[in-house]
Protein backbone atom coordinates (compact mmCIF):
# COMPACT_ATOMS: atom_id res chain seq x y z
CA MET A 1 125.75 118.41 79.41
CA ILE A 2 126.11 117.98 83.16
CA VAL A 3 125.98 114.33 84.24
CA THR A 4 126.01 113.32 87.91
CA THR A 5 125.31 110.23 89.96
CA THR A 6 123.67 112.34 92.67
CA ASN A 7 119.96 113.12 92.92
CA ASP A 8 120.49 116.87 93.02
CA LEU A 9 123.01 119.33 91.66
CA THR A 10 124.57 121.80 94.06
CA GLY A 11 124.42 125.36 92.73
CA TYR A 12 121.59 124.59 90.31
CA ARG A 13 117.85 124.34 90.53
CA ILE A 14 115.76 121.93 88.52
CA VAL A 15 113.30 123.82 86.34
CA GLN A 16 111.88 120.84 84.44
CA HIS A 17 111.93 117.04 84.74
CA LEU A 18 111.99 115.40 81.32
CA GLY A 19 111.93 111.76 82.39
CA MET A 20 114.23 108.79 82.15
CA VAL A 21 116.84 108.62 79.41
CA ARG A 22 119.08 105.73 78.50
CA GLY A 23 121.84 104.53 76.26
CA VAL A 24 122.29 100.85 75.54
CA THR A 25 124.90 98.89 73.65
CA VAL A 26 125.38 95.16 73.14
CA ARG A 27 128.92 93.86 72.77
CA SER A 28 130.49 90.50 72.11
CA ARG A 29 133.97 89.20 72.61
CA SER A 30 135.78 88.21 69.44
CA VAL A 31 137.53 84.87 69.01
CA ILE A 32 140.88 86.68 68.91
CA GLY A 33 139.96 88.63 72.04
CA ASN A 34 139.02 85.41 73.82
CA ILE A 35 142.37 83.85 72.90
CA GLY A 36 144.23 86.95 74.07
CA GLY A 37 142.21 87.00 77.29
CA ALA A 38 142.92 83.32 77.89
CA VAL A 39 146.66 83.92 77.45
CA GLN A 40 146.58 86.91 79.83
CA SER A 41 144.59 84.93 82.40
CA ILE A 42 147.39 82.37 82.62
CA PHE A 43 149.64 85.04 84.11
CA GLY A 44 146.95 86.53 86.38
CA GLY A 45 146.26 90.18 87.10
CA ASN A 46 144.30 92.63 85.00
CA ILE A 47 143.09 91.14 81.73
CA THR A 48 143.54 94.28 79.66
CA ILE A 49 141.74 92.99 76.58
CA TYR A 50 138.53 92.57 78.57
CA THR A 51 139.10 95.80 80.51
CA LYS A 52 139.29 97.70 77.21
CA LEU A 53 136.13 95.96 75.94
CA ALA A 54 134.25 96.87 79.13
CA GLU A 55 135.43 100.48 79.03
CA THR A 56 134.51 100.82 75.35
CA ALA A 57 131.02 99.44 76.02
CA ARG A 58 130.48 101.79 78.99
CA GLN A 59 131.67 104.81 77.00
CA GLU A 60 129.38 103.96 74.10
CA ALA A 61 126.39 103.53 76.42
CA TYR A 62 127.27 106.84 78.14
CA ASP A 63 127.53 108.67 74.79
CA LEU A 64 124.14 107.29 73.72
CA LEU A 65 122.67 108.37 77.09
CA VAL A 66 123.88 111.94 76.58
CA GLN A 67 122.57 111.93 73.00
CA HIS A 68 119.13 110.77 74.20
CA ALA A 69 119.07 113.50 76.86
CA GLN A 70 119.96 116.16 74.29
CA GLU A 71 117.17 114.89 72.01
CA VAL A 72 114.59 115.50 74.75
CA GLY A 73 115.98 118.98 75.50
CA ALA A 74 117.86 118.29 78.74
CA ASN A 75 120.98 120.11 79.86
CA ALA A 76 121.68 117.73 82.76
CA ILE A 77 121.25 114.10 83.78
CA LEU A 78 120.75 113.22 87.45
CA ALA A 79 121.10 109.86 89.22
CA MET A 80 123.11 108.38 86.34
CA ARG A 81 123.81 104.66 86.68
CA TYR A 82 125.29 101.77 84.71
CA ASP A 83 123.92 98.25 84.50
CA ALA A 84 125.22 95.24 82.58
CA ASN A 85 123.66 91.89 81.78
CA GLU A 86 124.94 88.90 79.89
CA ILE A 87 122.36 88.20 77.19
CA MET A 88 124.06 84.94 76.23
CA GLU A 89 127.55 83.57 76.67
CA GLY A 90 130.01 86.15 75.39
CA ILE A 91 127.35 88.79 74.59
CA THR A 92 126.81 91.57 77.11
CA GLU A 93 124.35 94.45 77.24
CA VAL A 94 125.57 97.64 78.91
CA LEU A 95 122.97 100.21 79.91
CA ALA A 96 123.55 103.77 81.10
CA TYR A 97 120.47 105.52 82.46
CA GLY A 98 119.37 108.52 84.48
CA THR A 99 116.85 111.30 84.83
CA ALA A 100 116.91 114.04 82.20
CA VAL A 101 116.30 117.53 83.57
CA LYS A 102 116.63 121.16 82.68
CA VAL A 103 118.59 123.08 85.27
CA GLU A 104 119.61 126.68 85.78
CA ALA A 105 122.34 128.11 87.96
CA ILE A 106 121.16 129.59 91.26
């Protein structure tokens, strides 16, 4: 699966648009993670516990996006983007979305 943030794909031509595809995950911080994050925040810098949580959520949303694209018969995703929203305190939705297409090499 080819995934790009651009609207076109150099060296390929789009032969079919299959529509929007998405992958969504909802994650929460654990009590232990919040304690660890609070301790790390005292010292400043990168709060690795939250960085790992964010990266895990993005990867899961990305994997679900690719799975959805494969289900509709795509071999590429164009204009891929991420979005995140806090649903309630400590609970975040991460969305990966893009346009599913079939492409062929030129």
